Amino acid sequence: TNAPELLPSLLRLIHVVLSMQWRHFSSFVVAPGKPADSLAALIGPRITKVDEKFTVEFDLFLQILLDCMKTPDLPPSIVQDAVSIVLDLGTVLKLFRVYDFDKRIKPVYLSTIMEVLLNQSQPMHVDSLTGLLREIANADIQSFFSEFLPSLVSTMNVPNDSKEVVLRSWPHDLYSFSSNCHDFLCECRFAMNRQRHLQERQ
């Protein structure tokens, strides 16, 4: 992001390399924890994993895309391009179900997008970022509600008696994901402002 005039070309390059050369980046492998010669491994489903030779490049590409989404002073078109590219990779490559994304990158994406939405640092892109959040969460919606959200709320600077209220403000309903996300963020801001006022009085 130090040379924003170069970012459109860089984002296009990342999109082309990942979408057109994915077969060189990845392979189908036996799920970790299962012996490769076991019957379960032979007849069971395979997972998509990034080849170790390209892990650094894969991580770097996705970090660049995420950096574009969270940097507030970039041109809106660059932010939108970054969101659109990740969504497209989610569709074309099933990116959000790739083992490396799920285990290492997804938590960073979820946390960063929620931080951007909570801080309202990209007001022009609330809908598209919420849509991206929904697609990433949908890859494992159960863990989103049972693990990610509780962990996120536990780190917030809000009164302890408000944390459960905040958590309950997001019903476990994928079909109303966007509106529920909006309500959750409003509840978070209210609780954080309440905590700030309490601290100022002390």
Protein backbone atom coordinates (compact mmCIF):
# COMPACT_ATOMS: atom_id res chain seq x y z
CA THR A 1 0.00 0.00 0.00
CA ASN A 2 3.04 2.30 -0.15
CA ALA A 3 2.54 2.69 -3.92
CA PRO A 4 -1.23 2.67 -4.43
CA GLU A 5 -0.92 3.47 -8.13
CA LEU A 6 0.59 0.01 -8.61
CA LEU A 7 -2.11 -1.83 -6.70
CA PRO A 8 -4.65 -2.31 -9.53
CA SER A 9 -2.05 -4.15 -11.61
CA LEU A 10 -0.83 -6.12 -8.60
CA LEU A 11 -4.36 -7.21 -7.68
CA ARG A 12 -5.05 -8.32 -11.25
CA LEU A 13 -1.79 -10.29 -11.23
CA ILE A 14 -2.68 -12.02 -7.97
CA HIS A 15 -6.12 -12.89 -9.33
CA VAL A 16 -4.74 -14.32 -12.55
CA VAL A 17 -1.93 -16.29 -10.91
CA LEU A 18 -4.17 -17.93 -8.32
CA SER A 19 -7.13 -18.62 -10.59
CA MET A 20 -5.18 -19.76 -13.66
CA GLN A 21 -2.30 -21.56 -11.96
CA TRP A 22 -4.14 -23.09 -9.00
CA ARG A 23 -3.29 -26.63 -10.05
CA HIS A 24 0.39 -25.78 -9.48
CA PHE A 25 -0.33 -24.22 -6.09
CA SER A 26 -2.43 -27.01 -4.64
CA SER A 27 -3.08 -30.72 -4.48
CA PHE A 28 -5.66 -33.16 -3.11
CA VAL A 29 -4.29 -34.94 -0.07
CA VAL A 30 -5.46 -37.24 2.70
CA ALA A 31 -6.91 -35.31 5.63
CA PRO A 32 -4.28 -34.72 8.35
CA GLY A 33 -4.38 -37.27 11.14
CA LYS A 34 -5.31 -40.20 8.91
CA PRO A 35 -2.61 -42.70 7.85
CA ALA A 36 -2.15 -42.52 4.10
CA ASP A 37 -2.40 -46.32 3.78
CA SER A 38 -5.55 -46.70 5.89
CA LEU A 39 -8.88 -47.77 4.42
CA ALA A 40 -10.45 -44.45 5.49
CA ALA A 41 -7.75 -42.60 3.58
CA LEU A 42 -8.24 -44.74 0.47
CA ILE A 43 -12.02 -44.35 0.24
CA GLY A 44 -12.54 -41.12 2.18
CA PRO A 45 -12.69 -37.59 0.82
CA ARG A 46 -9.55 -35.66 0.04
CA ILE A 47 -8.84 -32.10 1.09
CA THR A 48 -7.28 -29.31 -0.95
CA LYS A 49 -3.96 -28.17 0.44
CA VAL A 50 -1.47 -25.59 -0.78
CA ASP A 51 1.83 -27.12 -1.86
CA GLU A 52 4.56 -26.33 0.67
CA LYS A 53 6.68 -24.82 -2.12
CA PHE A 54 4.08 -22.07 -2.58
CA THR A 55 2.88 -21.46 0.98
CA VAL A 56 4.83 -18.19 1.29
CA GLU A 57 3.43 -16.83 -1.98
CA PHE A 58 -0.11 -17.96 -1.14
CA ASP A 59 0.03 -16.27 2.26
CA LEU A 60 1.52 -13.10 0.79
CA PHE A 61 -1.13 -12.82 -1.92
CA LEU A 62 -3.97 -13.15 0.56
CA GLN A 63 -2.33 -10.73 2.98
CA ILE A 64 -2.04 -8.11 0.23
CA LEU A 65 -5.74 -8.51 -0.56
CA LEU A 66 -6.64 -8.17 3.11
CA ASP A 67 -4.39 -5.13 3.57
CA CYS A 68 -6.26 -3.42 0.74
CA MET A 69 -9.56 -4.04 2.49
CA LYS A 70 -8.47 -2.61 5.82
CA THR A 71 -6.49 0.45 4.64
CA PRO A 72 -8.90 3.39 4.89
CA ASP A 73 -7.15 5.89 2.61
CA LEU A 74 -7.00 3.73 -0.52
CA PRO A 75 -9.19 4.54 -3.54
CA PRO A 76 -12.59 2.86 -3.16
CA SER A 77 -12.10 0.96 -6.41
CA ILE A 78 -9.04 -0.83 -5.00
CA VAL A 79 -10.88 -1.88 -1.85
CA GLN A 80 -13.79 -3.17 -3.91
CA ASP A 81 -11.45 -4.99 -6.30
CA ALA A 82 -9.79 -6.76 -3.38
CA VAL A 83 -13.15 -7.87 -1.97
CA SER A 84 -14.37 -9.00 -5.40
CA ILE A 85 -11.21 -11.01 -6.07
CA VAL A 86 -11.45 -12.90 -2.78
CA LEU A 87 -15.14 -13.62 -3.41
CA ASP A 88 -14.34 -14.87 -6.90
CA LEU A 89 -11.56 -17.11 -5.58
CA GLY A 90 -14.02 -18.41 -3.01
CA THR A 91 -16.30 -19.46 -5.86
CA VAL A 92 -13.79 -20.65 -8.45
CA LEU A 93 -11.22 -22.30 -6.18
CA LYS A 94 -13.46 -23.07 -3.20
CA LEU A 95 -10.86 -20.98 -1.38
CA PHE A 96 -12.67 -20.85 1.95
CA ARG A 97 -12.57 -24.66 2.18
CA VAL A 98 -8.88 -24.96 1.32
CA TYR A 99 -7.08 -26.47 4.30
CA ASP A 100 -4.46 -23.69 4.57
CA PHE A 101 -7.05 -20.94 4.40
CA ASP A 102 -9.32 -22.63 6.92
CA LYS A 103 -6.63 -23.39 9.49
CA ARG A 104 -4.30 -20.38 9.23
CA ILE A 105 -5.79 -17.52 7.25
CA LYS A 106 -9.51 -17.57 8.00
CA PRO A 107 -9.15 -16.40 11.63
CA VAL A 108 -7.13 -13.37 10.47
CA TYR A 109 -9.65 -12.53 7.74
CA LEU A 110 -12.63 -12.84 10.06
CA SER A 111 -11.04 -10.76 12.81
CA THR A 112 -9.82 -8.06 10.44
CA ILE A 113 -13.12 -7.70 8.58
CA MET A 114 -15.02 -7.51 11.87
CA GLU A 115 -12.58 -4.86 13.12
CA VAL A 116 -13.04 -2.78 9.97
CA LEU A 117 -16.83 -3.04 10.25
CA LEU A 118 -16.81 -2.28 13.96
CA ASN A 119 -14.57 0.77 13.55
CA GLN A 120 -16.49 1.91 10.45
CA SER A 121 -13.19 2.59 8.70
CA GLN A 122 -14.56 1.60 5.27
CA PRO A 123 -18.07 3.14 5.25
CA MET A 124 -18.43 2.82 1.48
CA HIS A 125 -17.85 -0.93 1.59
CA VAL A 126 -19.99 -2.13 4.49
CA ASP A 127 -22.27 -4.23 2.29
CA SER A 128 -19.48 -5.88 0.29
CA LEU A 129 -17.37 -6.58 3.37
CA THR A 130 -20.38 -8.04 5.17
CA GLY A 131 -21.03 -10.20 2.13
CA LEU A 132 -17.45 -11.45 2.19
CA LEU A 133 -17.70 -12.14 5.91
CA ARG A 134 -20.84 -14.17 5.25
CA GLU A 135 -19.20 -16.29 2.56
CA ILE A 136 -16.15 -17.04 4.70
CA ALA A 137 -18.28 -17.85 7.72
CA ASN A 138 -20.57 -20.06 5.65
CA ALA A 139 -17.73 -22.50 4.98
CA ASP A 140 -18.08 -23.57 8.63
CA ILE A 141 -20.99 -21.64 10.09
CA GLN A 142 -21.09 -23.73 13.25
CA SER A 143 -17.54 -22.79 14.28
CA PHE A 144 -18.24 -19.16 13.38
CA PHE A 145 -20.98 -18.96 16.00
CA SER A 146 -19.58 -21.40 18.56
CA GLU A 147 -15.89 -20.43 18.43
CA PHE A 148 -15.11 -17.23 16.54
CA LEU A 149 -17.81 -14.91 17.88
CA PRO A 150 -17.36 -15.92 21.56
CA SER A 151 -13.60 -15.47 21.22
CA LEU A 152 -14.08 -12.07 19.59
CA VAL A 153 -16.48 -10.83 22.26
CA SER A 154 -14.23 -12.09 25.07
CA THR A 155 -11.46 -9.72 23.92
CA MET A 156 -13.70 -6.64 23.66
CA ASN A 157 -13.40 -3.81 26.14
CA VAL A 158 -16.98 -4.06 27.34
CA PRO A 159 -18.47 -4.66 30.81
CA ASN A 160 -18.50 -8.33 31.72
CA ASP A 161 -22.26 -8.28 32.21
CA SER A 162 -22.66 -6.98 28.66
CA LYS A 163 -20.64 -9.67 26.90
CA GLU A 164 -23.40 -12.27 26.99
CA VAL A 165 -25.93 -9.67 25.83
CA VAL A 166 -23.66 -8.75 22.92
CA LEU A 167 -23.17 -12.38 21.99
CA ARG A 168 -26.90 -13.13 22.05
CA SER A 169 -27.59 -10.16 19.78
CA TRP A 170 -26.48 -12.23 16.75
CA PRO A 171 -28.96 -15.09 16.18
CA HIS A 172 -27.56 -18.22 14.53
CA ASP A 173 -29.35 -17.55 11.27
CA LEU A 174 -27.43 -17.48 7.99
CA TYR A 175 -30.39 -16.18 5.99
CA SER A 176 -30.48 -12.90 7.95
CA PHE A 177 -26.72 -12.71 8.26
CA SER A 178 -26.27 -9.12 7.07
CA SER A 179 -28.98 -7.57 9.23
CA ASN A 180 -27.92 -9.66 12.23
CA CYS A 181 -24.33 -8.54 11.71
CA HIS A 182 -25.47 -4.91 11.67
CA ASP A 183 -27.41 -5.39 14.92
CA PHE A 184 -24.45 -7.13 16.53
CA LEU A 185 -22.07 -4.31 15.60
CA CYS A 186 -24.49 -1.71 16.99
CA GLU A 187 -24.71 -3.68 20.24
CA CYS A 188 -20.92 -3.87 20.39
CA ARG A 189 -20.51 -0.12 19.91
CA PHE A 190 -23.15 0.59 22.55
CA ALA A 191 -21.42 -1.70 25.07
CA MET A 192 -17.99 -0.24 24.28
CA ASN A 193 -19.29 3.31 24.71
CA ARG A 194 -20.87 2.32 28.00
CA GLN A 195 -17.55 0.91 29.20
CA ARG A 196 -15.76 4.07 28.12
CA HIS A 197 -18.17 6.26 30.12
CA LEU A 198 -17.77 4.05 33.17
CA GLN A 199 -13.99 4.33 32.98
CA GLU A 200 -14.15 8.10 32.58
CA ARG A 201 -16.18 8.41 35.79
CA GLN A 202 -13.61 6.52 37.82
